[in-house]
Amino acid sequence: MKTYAAAVLTTVVLSFAQVLFKLLAVKGAAAGPSLTNWKREALDFLWLGGGAVLVWAVAAGSWLYVLKSLPLHRAYAFAALTFVFVPFFSYLILHETLTTGTVAGSALIIVGILVAANY
């Protein structure tokens, strides 16, 4: 059970890192080509970029633990949870739209993971 919790935690952390990368990309695009804007936003770029890389590194370490502890076919099924968590985090943090289709697809992914993890 501990390994399955680590697999879920890995996907949560990795999904959050994707949102941080999106924030970094949006901030970079808003700064445009102006060096003055980039200098003014440098601290934000460092916080977002550094935070995203740090979060991603934590996810990588956790994923290595999962891979060590579970058969690959079971572990990799959990990677699909990023398709559940990324839209959820983008809705909460970025205020993006969460459609009925996304929610239904997420439910199907969760059912698929439960089947794959148990059979």
Protein backbone atom coordinates (compact mmCIF):
# COMPACT_ATOMS: atom_id res chain seq x y z
CA MET A 1 0.00 0.00 0.00
CA LYS A 2 2.89 2.35 0.80
CA THR A 3 4.27 1.90 -2.72
CA TYR A 4 0.90 2.69 -4.31
CA ALA A 5 0.69 5.84 -2.19
CA ALA A 6 4.15 6.82 -3.43
CA ALA A 7 3.02 6.24 -7.02
CA VAL A 8 0.04 8.55 -6.53
CA LEU A 9 2.19 11.13 -4.74
CA THR A 10 4.67 11.04 -7.61
CA THR A 11 1.96 11.90 -10.12
CA VAL A 12 0.56 14.65 -7.90
CA VAL A 13 4.00 16.24 -7.55
CA LEU A 14 4.80 15.83 -11.24
CA SER A 15 1.45 17.37 -12.19
CA PHE A 16 2.11 20.36 -9.94
CA ALA A 17 5.51 20.78 -11.62
CA GLN A 18 3.73 20.96 -14.99
CA VAL A 19 1.60 23.83 -13.70
CA LEU A 20 4.74 25.62 -12.51
CA PHE A 21 6.32 25.15 -15.96
CA LYS A 22 3.14 26.57 -17.53
CA LEU A 23 3.32 29.63 -15.23
CA LEU A 24 6.97 30.07 -16.21
CA ALA A 25 6.11 29.84 -19.93
CA VAL A 26 3.30 32.38 -19.61
CA LYS A 27 5.52 34.76 -17.66
CA GLY A 28 8.30 34.40 -20.24
CA ALA A 29 5.90 35.07 -23.11
CA ALA A 30 4.49 38.13 -21.33
CA ALA A 31 8.00 39.54 -20.83
CA GLY A 32 8.54 39.41 -24.57
CA PRO A 33 11.89 40.00 -26.22
CA SER A 34 12.73 43.08 -24.13
CA LEU A 35 15.85 42.61 -22.01
CA THR A 36 14.53 45.24 -19.61
CA ASN A 37 11.41 43.16 -18.95
CA TRP A 38 13.48 40.02 -18.45
CA LYS A 39 15.72 41.81 -15.93
CA ARG A 40 12.66 43.07 -14.06
CA GLU A 41 11.09 39.59 -13.99
CA ALA A 42 14.34 37.69 -13.29
CA LEU A 43 13.50 36.89 -9.67
CA ASP A 44 10.09 35.49 -10.66
CA PHE A 45 11.72 33.42 -13.40
CA LEU A 46 14.22 32.03 -10.90
CA TRP A 47 11.54 31.17 -8.33
CA LEU A 48 9.20 29.55 -10.85
CA GLY A 49 11.92 27.77 -12.82
CA GLY A 50 13.88 26.67 -9.77
CA GLY A 51 10.71 25.57 -8.01
CA ALA A 52 9.56 23.58 -11.02
CA VAL A 53 12.91 21.82 -11.37
CA LEU A 54 13.05 21.08 -7.63
CA VAL A 55 9.52 19.69 -7.61
CA TRP A 56 10.31 17.63 -10.71
CA ALA A 57 13.46 16.25 -9.02
CA VAL A 58 11.40 15.18 -5.98
CA ALA A 59 8.98 13.43 -8.33
CA ALA A 60 11.88 11.67 -10.07
CA GLY A 61 13.23 10.39 -6.76
CA SER A 62 9.83 9.17 -5.69
CA TRP A 63 9.31 7.50 -9.07
CA LEU A 64 12.59 5.60 -8.69
CA TYR A 65 11.30 4.23 -5.38
CA VAL A 66 8.07 3.15 -7.09
CA LEU A 67 9.96 1.48 -9.94
CA LYS A 68 12.15 -0.38 -7.44
CA SER A 69 9.12 -1.63 -5.54
CA LEU A 70 6.49 -2.48 -8.18
CA PRO A 71 6.46 -4.42 -11.43
CA LEU A 72 6.81 -1.96 -14.30
CA HIS A 73 3.39 -2.73 -15.79
CA ARG A 74 1.72 -1.82 -12.50
CA ALA A 75 3.87 1.23 -11.77
CA TYR A 76 3.46 2.71 -15.23
CA ALA A 77 -0.33 2.57 -15.02
CA PHE A 78 -0.09 5.25 -12.35
CA ALA A 79 1.63 7.61 -14.78
CA ALA A 80 -1.80 8.07 -16.37
CA LEU A 81 -2.88 9.93 -13.22
CA THR A 82 -1.09 12.98 -14.55
CA PHE A 83 -3.99 13.22 -17.03
CA VAL A 84 -6.26 13.53 -13.98
CA PHE A 85 -4.20 15.85 -11.79
CA VAL A 86 -2.88 18.32 -14.40
CA PRO A 87 -6.39 19.48 -15.46
CA PHE A 88 -7.44 19.63 -11.80
CA PHE A 89 -4.44 21.76 -10.81
CA SER A 90 -4.78 23.93 -13.92
CA TYR A 91 -8.39 24.56 -12.93
CA LEU A 92 -7.48 25.46 -9.33
CA ILE A 93 -4.30 27.44 -9.96
CA LEU A 94 -4.56 28.76 -13.52
CA HIS A 95 -8.37 29.09 -13.59
CA GLU A 96 -8.56 27.06 -16.79
CA THR A 97 -11.79 25.38 -17.82
CA LEU A 98 -12.59 21.92 -16.50
CA THR A 99 -15.03 20.33 -18.95
CA THR A 100 -17.46 17.49 -18.45
CA GLY A 101 -15.43 15.45 -20.92
CA THR A 102 -12.26 15.96 -18.89
CA VAL A 103 -14.01 14.90 -15.69
CA ALA A 104 -15.52 11.83 -17.39
CA GLY A 105 -12.17 10.93 -18.94
CA SER A 106 -10.49 11.30 -15.56
CA ALA A 107 -13.00 8.92 -14.02
CA LEU A 108 -12.30 6.37 -16.75
CA ILE A 109 -8.56 6.71 -16.17
CA ILE A 110 -9.01 6.10 -12.44
CA VAL A 111 -11.11 2.99 -13.12
CA GLY A 112 -8.47 1.75 -15.57
CA ILE A 113 -5.72 2.22 -13.01
CA LEU A 114 -7.72 0.36 -10.36
CA VAL A 115 -8.21 -2.54 -12.77
CA ALA A 116 -4.55 -2.54 -13.82
CA ALA A 117 -3.32 -2.37 -10.21
CA ASN A 118 -5.49 -5.26 -9.06
CA TYR A 119 -5.33 -7.74 -11.97
